[in-house]
């Protein structure tokens, strides 16, 4: 059986993203409430905003995979306003809740990748810019 360049790229992206997830979680092991409230490098966002964004992003991508598994083209977020409200709402939580939420969302996303069928991997979803191939999502996540 010959492995295509596309399959190799997808394997690389999934493995790279999973490694980045573990490095991120290791960096957050010592996150304190005080640090979570500090400004991040993103204007107007605290560290808590960034961690919450990463968790909601993982959940949204898992939802796109789950939709593709059913043969549906699923939107990443209900709307930009809903996405922003979820991030704002979660940003002020204690550090242990922020990190626990991120861990669970990463686990959900990686589990979704591991169990995805060929149907899901060949599907599409909708992000804020439009239609996107499911196979592009691990690389996009890695960039987050």
N, C-alpha and C. Protein backbone atom coordinates (compact mmCIF):
# COMPACT_ATOMS: atom_id res chain seq x y z
N UNK A 1 0.84 -1.18 0.00
CA UNK A 1 0.00 0.00 0.00
C UNK A 1 0.88 1.24 0.00
N UNK A 2 0.64 2.11 -0.95
CA UNK A 2 1.42 3.33 -1.05
C UNK A 2 0.78 4.44 -0.23
N UNK A 3 1.60 5.16 0.49
CA UNK A 3 1.12 6.27 1.31
C UNK A 3 1.31 7.56 0.52
N UNK A 4 0.26 8.33 0.38
CA UNK A 4 0.31 9.56 -0.41
C UNK A 4 1.01 10.69 0.35
N UNK A 5 1.44 11.69 -0.41
CA UNK A 5 2.03 12.88 0.20
C UNK A 5 1.02 13.58 1.11
N UNK A 6 -0.25 13.54 0.72
CA UNK A 6 -1.30 14.15 1.54
C UNK A 6 -1.42 13.45 2.88
N UNK A 7 -1.37 12.12 2.87
CA UNK A 7 -1.43 11.35 4.12
C UNK A 7 -0.24 11.65 5.01
N UNK A 8 0.93 11.74 4.39
CA UNK A 8 2.14 12.05 5.17
C UNK A 8 2.03 13.44 5.80
N UNK A 9 1.53 14.40 5.03
CA UNK A 9 1.38 15.77 5.55
C UNK A 9 0.37 15.78 6.69
N UNK A 10 -0.72 15.07 6.54
CA UNK A 10 -1.73 15.01 7.59
C UNK A 10 -1.16 14.36 8.84
N UNK A 11 -0.44 13.26 8.69
CA UNK A 11 0.20 12.60 9.84
C UNK A 11 1.17 13.56 10.53
N UNK A 12 1.94 14.31 9.73
CA UNK A 12 2.88 15.28 10.30
C UNK A 12 2.14 16.36 11.07
N UNK A 13 1.04 16.86 10.51
CA UNK A 13 0.29 17.93 11.15
C UNK A 13 -0.37 17.47 12.45
N UNK A 14 -0.94 16.28 12.44
CA UNK A 14 -1.57 15.75 13.66
C UNK A 14 -0.51 15.53 14.74
N UNK A 15 0.60 14.91 14.37
CA UNK A 15 1.66 14.65 15.35
C UNK A 15 2.26 15.96 15.87
N UNK A 16 2.49 16.90 14.97
CA UNK A 16 3.06 18.19 15.39
C UNK A 16 2.14 18.95 16.31
N UNK A 17 0.85 18.92 15.99
CA UNK A 17 -0.12 19.62 16.83
C UNK A 17 -0.23 18.96 18.20
N UNK A 18 -0.25 17.63 18.22
CA UNK A 18 -0.33 16.90 19.50
C UNK A 18 0.89 17.22 20.36
N UNK A 19 2.06 17.28 19.74
CA UNK A 19 3.28 17.63 20.50
C UNK A 19 3.19 19.07 21.01
N UNK A 20 2.68 19.97 20.19
CA UNK A 20 2.51 21.36 20.63
C UNK A 20 1.50 21.46 21.77
N UNK A 21 0.44 20.65 21.70
CA UNK A 21 -0.52 20.62 22.81
C UNK A 21 0.17 20.24 24.11
N UNK A 22 1.00 19.20 24.07
CA UNK A 22 1.67 18.74 25.29
C UNK A 22 2.65 19.79 25.81
N UNK A 23 3.36 20.46 24.91
CA UNK A 23 4.28 21.52 25.33
C UNK A 23 3.51 22.68 25.97
N UNK A 24 2.38 23.03 25.39
CA UNK A 24 1.54 24.09 25.94
C UNK A 24 1.06 23.73 27.34
N UNK A 25 0.55 22.51 27.48
CA UNK A 25 0.05 22.09 28.80
C UNK A 25 1.17 22.05 29.83
N UNK A 26 2.35 21.63 29.42
CA UNK A 26 3.50 21.64 30.34
C UNK A 26 3.83 23.07 30.77
N UNK A 27 3.76 24.01 29.83
CA UNK A 27 4.02 25.42 30.16
C UNK A 27 2.97 25.96 31.13
N UNK A 28 1.76 25.45 31.05
CA UNK A 28 0.66 25.95 31.89
C UNK A 28 0.54 25.23 33.23
N UNK A 29 1.38 24.22 33.46
CA UNK A 29 1.31 23.46 34.72
C UNK A 29 1.39 24.35 35.95
N UNK A 30 2.14 25.41 35.87
CA UNK A 30 2.36 26.30 37.02
C UNK A 30 1.58 27.61 36.91
N UNK A 31 0.59 27.66 36.04
CA UNK A 31 -0.19 28.88 35.87
C UNK A 31 -0.88 29.24 37.19
N UNK A 32 -0.75 30.50 37.57
CA UNK A 32 -1.40 30.98 38.79
C UNK A 32 -2.55 31.92 38.40
N UNK A 33 -3.41 32.15 39.36
CA UNK A 33 -4.51 33.08 39.13
C UNK A 33 -3.98 34.46 38.75
N UNK A 34 -2.92 34.90 39.43
CA UNK A 34 -2.35 36.23 39.13
C UNK A 34 -1.84 36.31 37.69
N UNK A 35 -1.14 35.29 37.24
CA UNK A 35 -0.62 35.29 35.87
C UNK A 35 -1.77 35.20 34.87
N UNK A 36 -2.80 34.44 35.19
CA UNK A 36 -3.95 34.32 34.29
C UNK A 36 -4.64 35.66 34.07
N UNK A 37 -4.54 36.58 35.01
CA UNK A 37 -5.17 37.89 34.90
C UNK A 37 -4.29 38.91 34.18
N UNK A 38 -3.01 38.58 34.00
CA UNK A 38 -2.08 39.52 33.37
C UNK A 38 -2.38 39.66 31.88
N UNK A 39 -2.02 40.82 31.31
CA UNK A 39 -2.21 41.00 29.86
C UNK A 39 -1.35 39.99 29.08
N UNK A 40 -1.91 39.52 27.98
CA UNK A 40 -1.14 38.67 27.07
C UNK A 40 -0.52 39.56 26.00
N UNK A 41 0.12 38.96 25.03
CA UNK A 41 0.66 39.71 23.91
C UNK A 41 -0.42 40.12 22.91
N UNK A 42 -1.64 39.60 23.08
CA UNK A 42 -2.76 39.97 22.21
C UNK A 42 -3.49 41.17 22.83
N UNK A 43 -3.61 42.24 22.09
CA UNK A 43 -4.24 43.46 22.64
C UNK A 43 -5.64 43.20 23.21
N UNK A 44 -5.83 43.63 24.46
CA UNK A 44 -7.12 43.51 25.10
C UNK A 44 -7.43 42.16 25.70
N UNK A 45 -6.52 41.21 25.55
CA UNK A 45 -6.73 39.86 26.09
C UNK A 45 -5.74 39.56 27.21
N UNK A 46 -6.26 38.99 28.28
CA UNK A 46 -5.41 38.48 29.36
C UNK A 46 -4.93 37.08 28.97
N UNK A 47 -4.05 36.53 29.77
CA UNK A 47 -3.64 35.14 29.59
C UNK A 47 -4.87 34.23 29.67
N UNK A 48 -5.79 34.54 30.57
CA UNK A 48 -7.02 33.76 30.70
C UNK A 48 -7.86 33.78 29.43
N UNK A 49 -7.89 34.90 28.73
CA UNK A 49 -8.58 34.98 27.45
C UNK A 49 -7.94 34.02 26.43
N UNK A 50 -6.61 34.03 26.38
CA UNK A 50 -5.90 33.18 25.42
C UNK A 50 -6.16 31.71 25.71
N UNK A 51 -6.05 31.32 26.98
CA UNK A 51 -6.28 29.91 27.34
C UNK A 51 -7.71 29.51 27.02
N UNK A 52 -8.66 30.37 27.33
CA UNK A 52 -10.06 30.09 27.02
C UNK A 52 -10.28 29.99 25.51
N UNK A 53 -9.66 30.90 24.76
CA UNK A 53 -9.76 30.83 23.30
C UNK A 53 -9.25 29.48 22.78
N UNK A 54 -8.11 29.04 23.29
CA UNK A 54 -7.55 27.76 22.83
C UNK A 54 -8.48 26.59 23.15
N UNK A 55 -9.13 26.65 24.30
CA UNK A 55 -10.07 25.59 24.66
C UNK A 55 -11.30 25.61 23.76
N UNK A 56 -11.87 26.79 23.56
CA UNK A 56 -13.07 26.88 22.71
C UNK A 56 -12.75 26.56 21.25
N UNK A 57 -11.55 26.91 20.81
CA UNK A 57 -11.13 26.57 19.46
C UNK A 57 -11.05 25.06 19.29
N UNK A 58 -10.46 24.38 20.27
CA UNK A 58 -10.38 22.91 20.19
C UNK A 58 -11.78 22.29 20.15
N UNK A 59 -12.67 22.79 21.00
CA UNK A 59 -14.05 22.27 20.99
C UNK A 59 -14.73 22.53 19.65
N UNK A 60 -14.49 23.71 19.08
CA UNK A 60 -15.13 24.04 17.80
C UNK A 60 -14.62 23.14 16.68
N UNK A 61 -13.34 22.84 16.69
CA UNK A 61 -12.79 21.95 15.66
C UNK A 61 -13.29 20.53 15.85
N UNK A 62 -13.39 20.08 17.09
CA UNK A 62 -13.95 18.75 17.35
C UNK A 62 -15.39 18.69 16.83
N UNK A 63 -16.14 19.75 17.02
CA UNK A 63 -17.51 19.80 16.51
C UNK A 63 -17.57 19.73 15.00
N UNK A 64 -16.61 20.35 14.33
CA UNK A 64 -16.56 20.28 12.87
C UNK A 64 -16.27 18.85 12.42
N UNK A 65 -15.35 18.17 13.12
CA UNK A 65 -15.06 16.76 12.82
C UNK A 65 -16.29 15.90 13.05
N UNK A 66 -16.97 16.11 14.16
CA UNK A 66 -18.15 15.32 14.48
C UNK A 66 -19.24 15.53 13.42
N UNK A 67 -19.39 16.76 12.94
CA UNK A 67 -20.34 17.02 11.87
C UNK A 67 -19.94 16.31 10.59
N UNK A 68 -18.66 16.38 10.25
CA UNK A 68 -18.17 15.72 9.04
C UNK A 68 -18.37 14.20 9.13
N UNK A 69 -18.24 13.66 10.32
CA UNK A 69 -18.47 12.22 10.53
C UNK A 69 -19.91 11.86 10.16
N UNK A 70 -20.83 12.77 10.40
CA UNK A 70 -22.24 12.55 10.06
C UNK A 70 -22.56 12.95 8.61
N UNK A 71 -21.54 13.41 7.88
CA UNK A 71 -21.74 13.84 6.51
C UNK A 71 -22.25 15.26 6.40
N UNK A 72 -22.13 16.03 7.47
CA UNK A 72 -22.62 17.41 7.51
C UNK A 72 -21.46 18.39 7.38
N UNK A 73 -21.75 19.56 6.87
CA UNK A 73 -20.81 20.67 6.85
C UNK A 73 -21.20 21.58 8.01
N UNK A 74 -20.42 21.51 9.07
CA UNK A 74 -20.76 22.17 10.34
C UNK A 74 -19.97 23.46 10.51
N UNK A 75 -20.62 24.48 11.03
CA UNK A 75 -19.94 25.75 11.33
C UNK A 75 -19.07 25.60 12.57
N UNK A 76 -17.92 26.24 12.53
CA UNK A 76 -17.00 26.21 13.65
C UNK A 76 -17.62 26.88 14.87
N UNK A 77 -18.24 28.02 14.68
CA UNK A 77 -18.86 28.76 15.77
C UNK A 77 -20.27 29.18 15.32
N UNK A 78 -21.21 29.31 16.24
CA UNK A 78 -22.54 29.78 15.85
C UNK A 78 -22.48 31.17 15.21
N UNK A 79 -21.58 32.03 15.74
CA UNK A 79 -21.38 33.38 15.21
C UNK A 79 -20.11 33.95 15.85
N UNK A 80 -19.60 35.02 15.27
CA UNK A 80 -18.44 35.69 15.86
C UNK A 80 -18.79 36.23 17.25
N UNK A 81 -20.00 36.75 17.40
CA UNK A 81 -20.42 37.28 18.70
C UNK A 81 -20.46 36.18 19.77
N UNK A 82 -20.98 35.01 19.40
CA UNK A 82 -21.04 33.88 20.35
C UNK A 82 -19.64 33.43 20.72
N UNK A 83 -18.74 33.36 19.74
CA UNK A 83 -17.35 32.98 20.01
C UNK A 83 -16.72 33.96 21.00
N UNK A 84 -16.88 35.24 20.72
CA UNK A 84 -16.28 36.27 21.58
C UNK A 84 -16.89 36.25 22.98
N UNK A 85 -18.18 36.03 23.08
CA UNK A 85 -18.85 35.97 24.39
C UNK A 85 -18.35 34.78 25.19
N UNK A 86 -18.16 33.63 24.55
CA UNK A 86 -17.65 32.44 25.25
C UNK A 86 -16.25 32.70 25.80
N UNK A 87 -15.42 33.36 25.02
CA UNK A 87 -14.06 33.66 25.46
C UNK A 87 -14.10 34.64 26.63
N UNK A 88 -14.89 35.69 26.50
CA UNK A 88 -14.99 36.69 27.56
C UNK A 88 -15.52 36.07 28.85
N UNK A 89 -16.53 35.23 28.72
CA UNK A 89 -17.15 34.59 29.88
C UNK A 89 -16.18 33.68 30.63
N UNK A 90 -15.33 32.98 29.89
CA UNK A 90 -14.43 32.02 30.52
C UNK A 90 -13.11 32.59 31.00
N UNK A 91 -12.75 33.77 30.54
CA UNK A 91 -11.41 34.31 30.79
C UNK A 91 -11.09 34.56 32.26
N UNK A 92 -12.08 34.87 33.07
CA UNK A 92 -11.83 35.26 34.47
C UNK A 92 -11.82 34.09 35.45
N UNK A 93 -11.92 32.87 34.96
CA UNK A 93 -11.93 31.72 35.87
C UNK A 93 -10.58 31.53 36.55
N UNK A 94 -10.58 30.82 37.68
CA UNK A 94 -9.30 30.50 38.34
C UNK A 94 -8.40 29.68 37.40
N UNK A 95 -7.10 29.79 37.61
CA UNK A 95 -6.12 29.13 36.74
C UNK A 95 -6.36 27.63 36.63
N UNK A 96 -6.68 26.96 37.73
CA UNK A 96 -6.87 25.51 37.65
C UNK A 96 -8.07 25.15 36.77
N UNK A 97 -9.10 25.99 36.77
CA UNK A 97 -10.25 25.75 35.90
C UNK A 97 -9.91 26.02 34.44
N UNK A 98 -9.15 27.07 34.19
CA UNK A 98 -8.71 27.38 32.83
C UNK A 98 -7.93 26.22 32.23
N UNK A 99 -6.95 25.74 32.99
CA UNK A 99 -6.08 24.67 32.49
C UNK A 99 -6.85 23.35 32.38
N UNK A 100 -7.70 23.05 33.34
CA UNK A 100 -8.51 21.83 33.27
C UNK A 100 -9.42 21.83 32.06
N UNK A 101 -10.03 22.96 31.77
CA UNK A 101 -10.89 23.10 30.60
C UNK A 101 -10.08 22.89 29.33
N UNK A 102 -8.90 23.48 29.26
CA UNK A 102 -8.05 23.31 28.08
C UNK A 102 -7.64 21.86 27.91
N UNK A 103 -7.26 21.20 29.00
CA UNK A 103 -6.88 19.78 28.91
C UNK A 103 -8.03 18.94 28.36
N UNK A 104 -9.23 19.15 28.88
CA UNK A 104 -10.39 18.38 28.42
C UNK A 104 -10.69 18.65 26.95
N UNK A 105 -10.58 19.90 26.53
CA UNK A 105 -10.88 20.23 25.14
C UNK A 105 -9.83 19.64 24.20
N UNK A 106 -8.57 19.64 24.61
CA UNK A 106 -7.52 19.02 23.81
C UNK A 106 -7.76 17.52 23.71
N UNK A 107 -8.09 16.90 24.84
CA UNK A 107 -8.37 15.46 24.83
C UNK A 107 -9.52 15.15 23.88
N UNK A 108 -10.57 15.96 23.93
CA UNK A 108 -11.72 15.74 23.04
C UNK A 108 -11.30 15.85 21.58
N UNK A 109 -10.53 16.89 21.24
CA UNK A 109 -10.12 17.08 19.87
C UNK A 109 -9.22 15.94 19.39
N UNK A 110 -8.23 15.59 20.18
CA UNK A 110 -7.32 14.52 19.77
C UNK A 110 -8.03 13.17 19.69
N UNK A 111 -8.98 12.93 20.57
CA UNK A 111 -9.78 11.70 20.50
C UNK A 111 -10.62 11.68 19.23
N UNK A 112 -11.15 12.83 18.86
CA UNK A 112 -11.93 12.94 17.64
C UNK A 112 -11.07 12.63 16.42
N UNK A 113 -9.85 13.17 16.41
CA UNK A 113 -8.93 12.86 15.31
C UNK A 113 -8.65 11.36 15.25
N UNK A 114 -8.36 10.77 16.41
CA UNK A 114 -7.97 9.37 16.44
C UNK A 114 -9.09 8.44 15.98
N UNK A 115 -10.33 8.83 16.22
CA UNK A 115 -11.44 7.94 15.87
C UNK A 115 -12.13 8.33 14.56
N UNK A 116 -11.66 9.38 13.91
CA UNK A 116 -12.32 9.87 12.69
C UNK A 116 -12.19 8.85 11.56
N UNK A 117 -13.30 8.66 10.86
CA UNK A 117 -13.32 7.76 9.70
C UNK A 117 -12.85 8.49 8.45
N UNK A 118 -12.72 7.74 7.38
CA UNK A 118 -12.38 8.34 6.09
C UNK A 118 -13.46 9.35 5.67
N UNK A 119 -14.70 9.08 6.05
CA UNK A 119 -15.80 10.01 5.74
C UNK A 119 -15.53 11.37 6.37
N UNK A 120 -15.16 11.37 7.65
CA UNK A 120 -14.89 12.63 8.34
C UNK A 120 -13.69 13.33 7.71
N UNK A 121 -12.61 12.61 7.49
CA UNK A 121 -11.40 13.23 6.96
C UNK A 121 -11.60 13.78 5.56
N UNK A 122 -12.55 13.25 4.82
CA UNK A 122 -12.80 13.76 3.46
C UNK A 122 -13.85 14.87 3.45
N UNK A 123 -14.34 15.23 4.62
CA UNK A 123 -15.40 16.23 4.71
C UNK A 123 -14.92 17.66 4.72
N UNK A 124 -15.88 18.54 4.94
CA UNK A 124 -15.62 19.98 5.01
C UNK A 124 -16.39 20.57 6.18
N UNK A 125 -15.95 21.73 6.60
CA UNK A 125 -16.64 22.51 7.61
C UNK A 125 -16.64 23.96 7.19
N UNK A 126 -17.24 24.80 8.03
CA UNK A 126 -17.28 26.23 7.76
C UNK A 126 -16.61 26.96 8.91
N UNK A 127 -15.57 27.74 8.59
CA UNK A 127 -15.01 28.61 9.61
C UNK A 127 -15.43 30.04 9.31
N UNK A 128 -14.89 31.00 9.99
CA UNK A 128 -15.31 32.39 9.81
C UNK A 128 -15.03 32.92 8.40
N UNK A 129 -14.10 32.29 7.70
CA UNK A 129 -13.75 32.73 6.35
C UNK A 129 -14.50 31.98 5.25
N UNK A 130 -15.11 30.87 5.59
CA UNK A 130 -15.82 30.09 4.59
C UNK A 130 -15.55 28.61 4.72
N UNK A 131 -15.71 27.90 3.61
CA UNK A 131 -15.57 26.45 3.58
C UNK A 131 -14.11 26.05 3.73
N UNK A 132 -13.88 25.02 4.54
CA UNK A 132 -12.52 24.54 4.80
C UNK A 132 -12.53 23.02 4.81
N UNK A 133 -11.48 22.42 4.26
CA UNK A 133 -11.34 20.97 4.27
C UNK A 133 -11.00 20.51 5.68
N UNK A 134 -11.62 19.43 6.11
CA UNK A 134 -11.34 18.87 7.43
C UNK A 134 -9.86 18.52 7.55
N UNK A 135 -9.24 18.05 6.46
CA UNK A 135 -7.82 17.69 6.51
C UNK A 135 -6.92 18.90 6.80
N UNK A 136 -7.43 20.12 6.61
CA UNK A 136 -6.64 21.32 6.91
C UNK A 136 -6.68 21.70 8.39
N UNK A 137 -7.61 21.13 9.15
CA UNK A 137 -7.82 21.58 10.53
C UNK A 137 -6.65 21.29 11.46
N UNK A 138 -6.01 20.11 11.40
CA UNK A 138 -4.86 19.91 12.31
C UNK A 138 -3.75 20.95 12.11
N UNK A 139 -3.46 21.29 10.85
CA UNK A 139 -2.43 22.30 10.59
C UNK A 139 -2.86 23.66 11.13
N UNK A 140 -4.13 24.00 10.91
CA UNK A 140 -4.64 25.28 11.42
C UNK A 140 -4.59 25.32 12.94
N UNK A 141 -4.94 24.22 13.57
CA UNK A 141 -4.88 24.15 15.04
C UNK A 141 -3.45 24.30 15.52
N UNK A 142 -2.53 23.64 14.86
CA UNK A 142 -1.11 23.72 15.21
C UNK A 142 -0.67 25.17 15.22
N UNK A 143 -1.18 25.97 14.31
CA UNK A 143 -0.85 27.39 14.24
C UNK A 143 -1.41 28.20 15.38
N UNK A 144 -2.46 27.71 16.02
CA UNK A 144 -3.04 28.42 17.15
C UNK A 144 -2.06 28.44 18.30
